[in-house]
Amino acid sequence: MSKHLIPAYLLTFVNVLGFSILMPVLPFIVESFDSPEWVYGLLISLYSGSQFIGSPILGTMSDSKGRKPILLISQAGTLLAWLVFIAAILLPKYPILGLSLPIWIIGLSRVFDGITGGNTSVTNAYVSDITTRKEKSYIFGYLGGIAGIGMIIGPGLGGIAASSSIGYLGTLLLSLGISSLTLISIIFWLKESHPSDKRLKHKKISIWSSLYIPNRVKEVNPSPIIKTLFTIKIFFSAMIALYISTVALFLIDLFSFEEKELGLFMLVVGIFLAFNQAFISKIFIKRLGEYRTLIFGLLLCAIGMISITITNNMWLFILFYYVLNLGLSLCFPTFNALIAIHANSEKQGAIMGISESIHSFAMSVFPVLAATVYGLINFQLYYIGSALSIIALSIALLSIKKLKISSNLSKSS
């Protein structure tokens, strides 16, 4: 493994960890400060919503300022966010507008962490800069696998650290330590990958233009295949947000899982997701090419979404669930690989930023809607999820001839 990729792997891991490590403890932190349950949901949305804002800004800045300085600043910001969080839980429960002071400060830290955690677009641009055409497919698969590992072990690390004598402070100090290690790796191992002669001229970034995705797409003027991938990703990300925000509720309703059983099931699912993204996706891409792997993944997602609703037999459910899991595992790395391959190298950061913003927007908006709809129609919500995947699949299929995509796309240089 090249040491130049270590910072990218750590950044990917830390960004996911910033979301997952708090999952088992944040509800209890909110409760400890006498706040209602909706505050927990708000803090989750604040993180994703802030990533939606931060991702395009950081991505665009990296195209003009270089990758390393932006990654250094953003990771230092994440470190500062954890320090603010630690300070917040040590403050007294002074009430302000119906919520205690610590909750307001925690909200501020989640916003700050989300904005600086938007450096995923810069990380992806850095990886694209330093990898060859052939390497992009499987390296992005590895990044997906690392993200999966972060989702697997994050809740476990957070829960174990919180069970120590210092309680929630243990979880926060662990996060602070991991972020510090990542910052050190950037300082010593990450070399600038975007030389000054390839950088775009710096221009003032408007917050509104950053939030309005169609305007940003117009500004970077990407190739037709990138525009198609953005369109496909809109429907795919909506499906993912719908799935992530309700799957725990669905499993509890279907199998009457308790906390331990649900945690074990999600652990196994996460292991398969990480393995499939890191290794199985590479096999499919080698045989089918990136674009056709994406199409096959979308097909499996559509089939899997419906299949998991037709049985309450545990073993048959696991089989159907694996179909869905494999579909997701094939889609995640191929989106990034295709965008990295076809994006203008001078605008790599901005284009990656748009891609991440689409996902962050879906994750900040759709979970609230999906959870509400699930309460009304239960498992039938997954029919909507399947329909979203089918729409994405149809767009991908209709675009093959239009974009003249070769079946051996991944093998071309």
Protein backbone atom coordinates (compact mmCIF):
# COMPACT_ATOMS: atom_id res chain seq x y z
CA MET A 1 0.00 0.00 0.00
CA SER A 2 1.43 3.40 -0.99
CA LYS A 3 2.04 5.64 2.02
CA HIS A 4 0.69 8.53 -0.06
CA LEU A 5 -2.75 6.92 0.14
CA ILE A 6 -2.66 6.49 3.94
CA PRO A 7 -3.91 10.05 4.64
CA ALA A 8 -6.78 9.53 2.20
CA TYR A 9 -7.73 6.27 3.89
CA LEU A 10 -7.56 7.91 7.32
CA LEU A 11 -9.60 10.93 6.18
CA THR A 12 -12.30 8.65 4.77
CA PHE A 13 -12.34 6.66 8.00
CA VAL A 14 -12.44 9.74 10.25
CA ASN A 15 -15.22 11.43 8.26
CA VAL A 16 -17.44 8.36 8.61
CA LEU A 17 -16.40 7.97 12.24
CA GLY A 18 -17.53 11.53 12.95
CA PHE A 19 -21.05 10.32 12.19
CA SER A 20 -21.00 6.72 13.42
CA ILE A 21 -19.04 6.95 16.70
CA LEU A 22 -21.73 9.13 18.25
CA MET A 23 -24.67 6.91 17.22
CA PRO A 24 -24.79 4.85 20.46
CA VAL A 25 -24.11 7.74 22.84
CA LEU A 26 -25.66 10.88 21.33
CA PRO A 27 -29.26 9.92 22.34
CA PHE A 28 -28.10 9.55 25.94
CA ILE A 29 -26.13 12.81 25.83
CA VAL A 30 -29.27 14.58 24.61
CA GLU A 31 -31.32 12.92 27.36
CA SER A 32 -28.76 13.83 30.02
CA PHE A 33 -29.34 17.51 29.26
CA ASP A 34 -33.13 17.10 29.55
CA SER A 35 -33.77 17.67 25.84
CA PRO A 36 -36.64 16.13 23.82
CA GLU A 37 -36.00 13.25 21.38
CA TRP A 38 -36.36 15.45 18.28
CA VAL A 39 -33.14 17.21 19.29
CA TYR A 40 -31.25 13.98 18.56
CA GLY A 41 -32.66 13.90 15.02
CA LEU A 42 -31.82 17.57 14.59
CA LEU A 43 -28.18 17.03 15.59
CA ILE A 44 -27.86 14.21 13.05
CA SER A 45 -29.38 16.38 10.31
CA LEU A 46 -27.16 19.32 11.24
CA TYR A 47 -24.05 17.23 10.49
CA SER A 48 -25.26 16.07 7.05
CA GLY A 49 -26.72 19.46 6.19
CA SER A 50 -23.43 21.15 7.05
CA GLN A 51 -21.55 18.68 4.87
CA PHE A 52 -23.87 19.72 2.04
CA ILE A 53 -22.69 23.31 2.50
CA GLY A 54 -19.02 22.57 3.12
CA SER A 55 -18.33 19.97 0.45
CA PRO A 56 -18.61 22.21 -2.65
CA ILE A 57 -16.79 25.12 -1.01
CA LEU A 58 -13.82 22.98 0.04
CA GLY A 59 -13.79 21.11 -3.27
CA THR A 60 -13.71 24.33 -5.31
CA MET A 61 -11.07 25.89 -3.05
CA SER A 62 -8.82 22.85 -3.54
CA ASP A 63 -8.90 23.41 -7.32
CA SER A 64 -7.37 26.86 -6.87
CA LYS A 65 -5.36 26.53 -3.64
CA GLY A 66 -4.22 22.91 -3.85
CA ARG A 67 -5.38 19.77 -2.03
CA LYS A 68 -2.99 19.71 0.96
CA PRO A 69 -3.69 23.17 2.46
CA ILE A 70 -7.45 22.63 2.26
CA LEU A 71 -7.19 19.17 3.82
CA LEU A 72 -4.97 20.56 6.58
CA ILE A 73 -7.38 23.39 7.37
CA SER A 74 -10.47 21.17 7.24
CA GLN A 75 -8.96 18.45 9.43
CA ALA A 76 -7.79 21.06 11.94
CA GLY A 77 -11.40 22.30 11.93
CA THR A 78 -12.67 18.81 12.72
CA LEU A 79 -10.19 18.60 15.59
CA LEU A 80 -11.46 21.95 16.91
CA ALA A 81 -15.07 20.73 16.60
CA TRP A 82 -14.33 17.81 18.94
CA LEU A 83 -12.72 20.20 21.43
CA VAL A 84 -15.86 22.36 21.35
CA PHE A 85 -17.99 19.25 21.91
CA ILE A 86 -15.86 18.27 24.93
CA ALA A 87 -16.18 21.77 26.37
CA ALA A 88 -19.96 21.65 25.85
CA ILE A 89 -20.59 18.57 28.01
CA LEU A 90 -18.63 20.16 30.84
CA LEU A 91 -20.83 23.28 30.88
CA PRO A 92 -23.72 23.75 33.36
CA LYS A 93 -27.32 23.12 32.24
CA TYR A 94 -28.15 26.80 31.82
CA PRO A 95 -31.49 27.08 29.91
CA ILE A 96 -31.61 29.16 26.71
CA LEU A 97 -34.81 29.28 24.62
CA GLY A 98 -36.06 25.95 25.94
CA LEU A 99 -32.78 24.03 25.56
CA SER A 100 -29.76 23.86 27.83
CA LEU A 101 -26.56 25.72 26.94
CA PRO A 102 -24.54 22.50 26.33
CA ILE A 103 -27.03 21.37 23.66
CA TRP A 104 -26.65 24.67 21.79
CA ILE A 105 -22.86 24.34 21.90
CA ILE A 106 -23.03 20.68 20.81
CA GLY A 107 -25.18 21.78 17.87
CA LEU A 108 -22.54 24.35 16.96
CA SER A 109 -19.82 21.69 17.09
CA ARG A 110 -21.83 19.37 14.82
CA VAL A 111 -22.28 22.17 12.29
CA PHE A 112 -18.56 22.95 12.37
CA ASP A 113 -17.61 19.27 12.13
CA GLY A 114 -20.02 18.79 9.22
CA ILE A 115 -18.63 21.74 7.26
CA THR A 116 -15.02 20.65 7.75
CA GLY A 117 -16.05 17.00 7.25
CA GLY A 118 -17.12 18.06 3.77
CA ASN A 119 -13.50 17.46 2.77
CA THR A 120 -14.57 14.10 1.31
CA SER A 121 -14.73 15.83 -2.06
CA VAL A 122 -11.12 17.04 -1.64
CA THR A 123 -10.01 13.59 -0.50
CA ASN A 124 -11.58 12.00 -3.58
CA ALA A 125 -9.97 14.64 -5.81
CA TYR A 126 -6.57 13.94 -4.19
CA VAL A 127 -6.95 10.19 -4.78
CA SER A 128 -7.95 10.85 -8.39
CA ASP A 129 -4.87 13.06 -8.86
CA ILE A 130 -2.38 10.41 -7.74
CA THR A 131 -3.91 7.27 -9.27
CA THR A 132 -3.78 5.97 -12.82
CA ARG A 133 -6.79 5.30 -15.02
CA LYS A 134 -6.63 1.59 -14.14
CA GLU A 135 -6.12 2.15 -10.40
CA LYS A 136 -9.09 4.49 -9.87
CA SER A 137 -11.75 1.76 -9.93
CA TYR A 138 -10.31 -0.45 -7.22
CA ILE A 139 -8.82 2.36 -5.09
CA PHE A 140 -12.27 3.95 -4.79
CA GLY A 141 -13.53 0.48 -3.95
CA TYR A 142 -11.02 0.35 -1.10
CA LEU A 143 -12.19 3.77 0.08
CA GLY A 144 -15.75 2.45 0.10
CA GLY A 145 -14.61 -0.54 2.11
CA ILE A 146 -12.88 1.73 4.63
CA ALA A 147 -16.03 3.83 4.92
CA GLY A 148 -17.93 0.60 5.59
CA ILE A 149 -15.44 -0.34 8.30
CA GLY A 150 -15.95 3.08 9.87
CA MET A 151 -19.69 2.49 9.99
CA ILE A 152 -19.11 -0.95 11.54
CA ILE A 153 -16.65 -0.18 14.29
CA GLY A 154 -17.67 3.43 14.97
CA PRO A 155 -20.71 2.61 17.12
CA GLY A 156 -18.76 -0.13 18.90
CA LEU A 157 -15.85 2.19 19.68
CA GLY A 158 -18.21 4.90 20.83
CA GLY A 159 -20.14 2.57 23.12
CA ILE A 160 -17.06 0.94 24.64
CA ALA A 161 -15.34 4.28 25.25
CA ALA A 162 -18.49 5.66 26.87
CA SER A 163 -18.64 2.71 29.28
CA SER A 164 -15.37 3.78 30.88
CA SER A 165 -15.21 5.65 34.19
CA ILE A 166 -15.23 9.02 32.42
CA GLY A 167 -18.41 8.23 30.45
CA TYR A 168 -19.22 10.21 27.28
CA LEU A 169 -15.94 12.08 27.65
CA GLY A 170 -14.19 8.81 26.74
CA THR A 171 -15.92 8.69 23.36
CA LEU A 172 -15.06 12.30 22.63
CA LEU A 173 -11.41 11.92 23.67
CA LEU A 174 -11.10 8.85 21.44
CA SER A 175 -12.48 10.84 18.51
CA LEU A 176 -10.07 13.65 19.31
CA GLY A 177 -7.15 11.21 19.29
CA ILE A 178 -8.10 9.68 15.92
CA SER A 179 -8.53 13.13 14.38
CA SER A 180 -5.12 14.17 15.72
CA LEU A 181 -3.50 11.09 14.15
CA THR A 182 -5.13 11.94 10.82
CA LEU A 183 -3.88 15.54 10.97
CA ILE A 184 -0.34 14.31 11.66
CA SER A 185 -0.53 11.90 8.69
CA ILE A 186 -1.56 14.78 6.39
CA ILE A 187 1.35 16.93 7.60
CA PHE A 188 4.04 14.27 7.12
CA TRP A 189 2.75 11.87 4.44
CA LEU A 190 0.48 13.81 2.13
CA LYS A 191 2.25 15.52 -0.74
CA GLU A 192 0.53 18.12 -2.85
CA SER A 193 -1.10 16.36 -5.83
CA HIS A 194 -2.49 19.38 -7.68
CA PRO A 195 0.43 21.43 -9.06
CA SER A 196 0.13 25.19 -9.39
CA ASP A 197 0.21 25.12 -13.20
CA LYS A 198 -3.03 23.10 -13.21
CA ARG A 199 -4.90 25.21 -10.67
CA LEU A 200 -7.84 27.38 -11.57
CA LYS A 201 -7.83 31.08 -10.84
CA HIS A 202 -9.37 31.76 -7.44
CA LYS A 203 -12.77 33.38 -7.47
CA LYS A 204 -15.11 34.47 -4.71
CA ILE A 205 -17.47 31.69 -3.62
CA SER A 206 -21.10 32.67 -3.09
CA ILE A 207 -22.89 30.69 -0.38
CA TRP A 208 -26.12 30.74 -2.39
CA SER A 209 -24.43 29.50 -5.55
CA SER A 210 -22.79 26.76 -3.49
CA LEU A 211 -26.17 25.64 -2.13
CA TYR A 212 -27.93 25.76 -5.49
CA ILE A 213 -26.61 22.61 -7.16
CA PRO A 214 -27.92 23.28 -10.74
CA ASN A 215 -26.02 26.58 -10.81
CA ARG A 216 -22.82 24.85 -9.70
CA VAL A 217 -23.21 22.21 -12.41
CA LYS A 218 -23.62 24.99 -14.96
CA GLU A 219 -20.47 26.74 -13.71
CA VAL A 220 -18.18 23.69 -13.98
CA ASN A 221 -19.80 22.63 -17.28
CA PRO A 222 -18.97 18.93 -16.90
CA SER A 223 -19.01 16.35 -19.69
CA PRO A 224 -22.33 14.68 -20.65
CA ILE A 225 -21.46 11.48 -18.77
CA ILE A 226 -20.78 13.47 -15.56
CA LYS A 227 -24.16 15.21 -15.91
CA THR A 228 -25.80 11.81 -16.38
CA LEU A 229 -24.03 10.44 -13.30
CA PHE A 230 -25.22 13.42 -11.25
CA THR A 231 -28.81 12.77 -12.36
CA ILE A 232 -28.54 9.06 -11.52
CA LYS A 233 -27.01 9.89 -8.15
CA ILE A 234 -29.96 12.13 -7.20
CA PHE A 235 -32.33 9.16 -7.30
CA PHE A 236 -29.78 6.73 -5.86
CA SER A 237 -28.99 9.03 -2.90
CA ALA A 238 -32.70 9.53 -2.18
CA MET A 239 -33.08 5.74 -2.10
CA ILE A 240 -30.06 5.39 0.23
CA ALA A 241 -31.38 8.06 2.60
CA LEU A 242 -34.78 6.36 2.66
CA TYR A 243 -33.15 3.00 3.41
CA ILE A 244 -30.66 4.13 6.08
CA SER A 245 -33.22 6.15 8.05
CA THR A 246 -35.79 3.33 8.31
CA VAL A 247 -34.01 -0.04 8.10
CA ALA A 248 -33.57 -0.31 11.89
CA LEU A 249 -37.27 0.37 12.40
CA PHE A 250 -38.14 -2.21 9.74
CA LEU A 251 -35.94 -4.91 11.30
CA ILE A 252 -37.44 -4.26 14.75
CA ASP A 253 -40.98 -4.52 13.36
CA LEU A 254 -40.22 -7.63 11.28
CA PHE A 255 -38.21 -9.71 13.76
CA SER A 256 -38.89 -7.99 17.11
CA PHE A 257 -35.17 -7.35 17.48
CA GLU A 258 -33.86 -5.85 20.68
CA GLU A 259 -30.77 -3.65 20.92
CA LYS A 260 -28.23 -6.50 21.05
CA GLU A 261 -29.82 -8.46 18.19
CA LEU A 262 -30.15 -5.38 16.01
CA GLY A 263 -26.54 -4.42 16.69
CA LEU A 264 -25.30 -7.90 15.77
CA PHE A 265 -27.33 -7.94 12.55
CA MET A 266 -26.04 -4.51 11.51
CA LEU A 267 -22.48 -5.59 12.34
CA VAL A 268 -22.75 -8.56 9.96
CA VAL A 269 -24.35 -6.35 7.29
CA GLY A 270 -21.55 -3.81 7.66
CA ILE A 271 -18.85 -6.47 7.32
CA PHE A 272 -20.36 -7.70 4.06
CA LEU A 273 -20.76 -4.13 2.79
CA ALA A 274 -17.11 -3.34 3.47
CA PHE A 275 -15.89 -6.64 1.96
CA ASN A 276 -18.05 -6.30 -1.14
CA GLN A 277 -16.94 -2.72 -1.80
CA ALA A 278 -13.26 -3.41 -1.26
CA PHE A 279 -12.97 -6.72 -3.13
CA ILE A 280 -16.10 -8.02 -4.90
CA SER A 281 -16.74 -4.73 -6.73
CA LYS A 282 -13.23 -4.99 -8.23
CA ILE A 283 -14.13 -8.34 -9.81
CA PHE A 284 -17.33 -6.97 -11.35
CA ILE A 285 -15.59 -3.84 -12.65
CA LYS A 286 -12.83 -5.92 -14.24
CA ARG A 287 -15.39 -8.06 -16.08
CA LEU A 288 -18.12 -5.51 -16.89
CA GLY A 289 -16.47 -2.11 -16.75
CA GLU A 290 -17.45 0.68 -14.35
CA TYR A 291 -20.63 1.85 -16.03
CA ARG A 292 -22.15 -1.58 -16.51
CA THR A 293 -21.21 -2.49 -12.94
CA LEU A 294 -23.18 0.58 -11.84
CA ILE A 295 -26.16 -0.57 -13.92
CA PHE A 296 -26.01 -4.06 -12.44
CA GLY A 297 -25.74 -2.60 -8.94
CA LEU A 298 -28.84 -0.45 -9.47
CA LEU A 299 -30.73 -3.51 -10.72
CA LEU A 300 -29.78 -5.48 -7.60
CA CYS A 301 -30.85 -2.53 -5.41
CA ALA A 302 -34.28 -2.46 -7.06
CA ILE A 303 -34.73 -6.24 -6.68
CA GLY A 304 -33.37 -6.28 -3.13
CA MET A 305 -35.61 -3.44 -1.93
CA ILE A 306 -38.74 -5.36 -2.89
CA SER A 307 -37.44 -8.82 -1.94
CA ILE A 308 -36.79 -7.94 1.70
CA THR A 309 -40.48 -7.07 2.14
CA ILE A 310 -41.89 -10.44 0.98
CA THR A 311 -40.66 -12.76 3.76
CA ASN A 312 -40.28 -12.92 7.53
CA ASN A 313 -38.15 -16.08 7.36
CA MET A 314 -34.79 -15.04 8.77
CA TRP A 315 -32.56 -17.09 6.44
CA LEU A 316 -34.50 -16.18 3.29
CA PHE A 317 -34.49 -12.54 4.42
CA ILE A 318 -30.69 -12.65 4.83
CA LEU A 319 -30.36 -13.98 1.27
CA PHE A 320 -32.54 -11.17 -0.12
CA TYR A 321 -30.76 -8.65 2.07
CA TYR A 322 -27.43 -9.72 0.62
CA VAL A 323 -28.76 -8.97 -2.87
CA LEU A 324 -29.53 -5.41 -1.73
CA ASN A 325 -26.20 -5.20 0.10
CA LEU A 326 -24.27 -6.29 -3.01
CA GLY A 327 -26.15 -3.78 -5.15
CA LEU A 328 -25.17 -0.95 -2.82
CA SER A 329 -21.58 -2.20 -2.71
CA LEU A 330 -21.30 -2.11 -6.52
CA CYS A 331 -22.81 1.37 -6.83
CA PHE A 332 -20.82 3.27 -4.18
CA PRO A 333 -17.28 2.86 -5.60
CA THR A 334 -18.30 3.02 -9.27
CA PHE A 335 -19.93 6.45 -8.89
CA ASN A 336 -16.69 7.94 -7.59
CA ALA A 337 -14.52 6.01 -10.04
CA LEU A 338 -16.56 7.13 -13.06
CA ILE A 339 -16.60 10.75 -11.92
CA ALA A 340 -12.84 10.66 -11.27
CA ILE A 341 -12.17 9.14 -14.69
CA HIS A 342 -14.31 11.55 -16.71
CA ALA A 343 -13.96 14.82 -14.76
CA ASN A 344 -11.78 17.66 -16.01
CA SER A 345 -8.62 17.35 -13.90
CA GLU A 346 -8.55 21.12 -13.29
CA LYS A 347 -12.09 21.00 -11.87
CA GLN A 348 -11.81 17.67 -10.07
CA GLY A 349 -12.43 19.15 -6.61
CA ALA A 350 -15.49 21.15 -7.68
CA ILE A 351 -17.03 18.18 -9.50
CA MET A 352 -16.38 15.82 -6.58
CA GLY A 353 -17.89 18.51 -4.35
CA ILE A 354 -21.12 18.51 -6.36
CA SER A 355 -21.29 14.73 -6.17
CA GLU A 356 -20.87 14.76 -2.38
CA SER A 357 -23.38 17.61 -2.04
CA ILE A 358 -26.05 15.55 -3.80
CA HIS A 359 -25.53 12.77 -1.25
CA SER A 360 -25.35 15.16 1.73
CA PHE A 361 -28.51 16.97 0.64
CA ALA A 362 -30.38 13.67 0.42
CA MET A 363 -29.07 12.60 3.84
CA SER A 364 -30.13 15.87 5.46
CA VAL A 365 -33.64 16.05 3.95
CA PHE A 366 -35.00 12.60 3.16
CA PRO A 367 -34.47 10.79 6.53
CA VAL A 368 -37.05 12.98 8.25
CA LEU A 369 -39.55 12.48 5.42
CA ALA A 370 -38.85 8.74 5.17
CA ALA A 371 -39.29 8.14 8.91
CA THR A 372 -42.61 10.00 8.80
CA VAL A 373 -43.87 8.07 5.78
CA TYR A 374 -42.70 4.76 7.27
CA GLY A 375 -44.91 5.45 10.29
CA LEU A 376 -47.87 5.70 7.91
CA ILE A 377 -47.31 2.90 5.36
CA ASN A 378 -44.66 0.68 7.02
CA PHE A 379 -42.71 -1.69 4.68
CA GLN A 380 -44.48 -0.35 1.59
CA LEU A 381 -42.04 2.55 1.80
CA TYR A 382 -39.48 0.20 0.23
CA TYR A 383 -41.59 0.02 -2.92
CA ILE A 384 -40.83 3.73 -3.27
CA GLY A 385 -37.16 2.94 -2.68
CA SER A 386 -37.24 0.30 -5.42
CA ALA A 387 -38.96 2.75 -7.77
CA LEU A 388 -36.20 5.32 -7.16
CA SER A 389 -33.60 2.70 -8.03
CA ILE A 390 -35.51 1.70 -11.18
CA ILE A 391 -35.63 5.35 -12.30
CA ALA A 392 -31.86 5.61 -11.81
CA LEU A 393 -31.40 2.31 -13.67
CA SER A 394 -33.56 3.51 -16.58
CA ILE A 395 -31.55 6.71 -16.94
CA ALA A 396 -28.31 4.70 -16.93
CA LEU A 397 -29.60 2.25 -19.57
CA LEU A 398 -30.97 4.97 -21.84
CA SER A 399 -27.64 6.79 -21.69
CA ILE A 400 -25.44 3.95 -22.96
CA LYS A 401 -26.03 4.57 -26.66
CA LYS A 402 -26.34 8.33 -26.28
CA LEU A 403 -22.97 8.58 -24.53
CA LYS A 404 -21.44 5.80 -26.64
CA ILE A 405 -20.20 3.99 -23.55
CA SER A 406 -18.05 1.00 -24.37
CA SER A 407 -18.48 -2.30 -22.55
CA ASN A 408 -14.72 -2.25 -22.06
CA LEU A 409 -14.71 1.23 -20.59
CA SER A 410 -12.72 0.23 -17.55
CA LYS A 411 -9.98 -1.32 -19.65
CA SER A 412 -9.38 1.68 -21.88
CA SER A 413 -6.53 3.99 -21.06
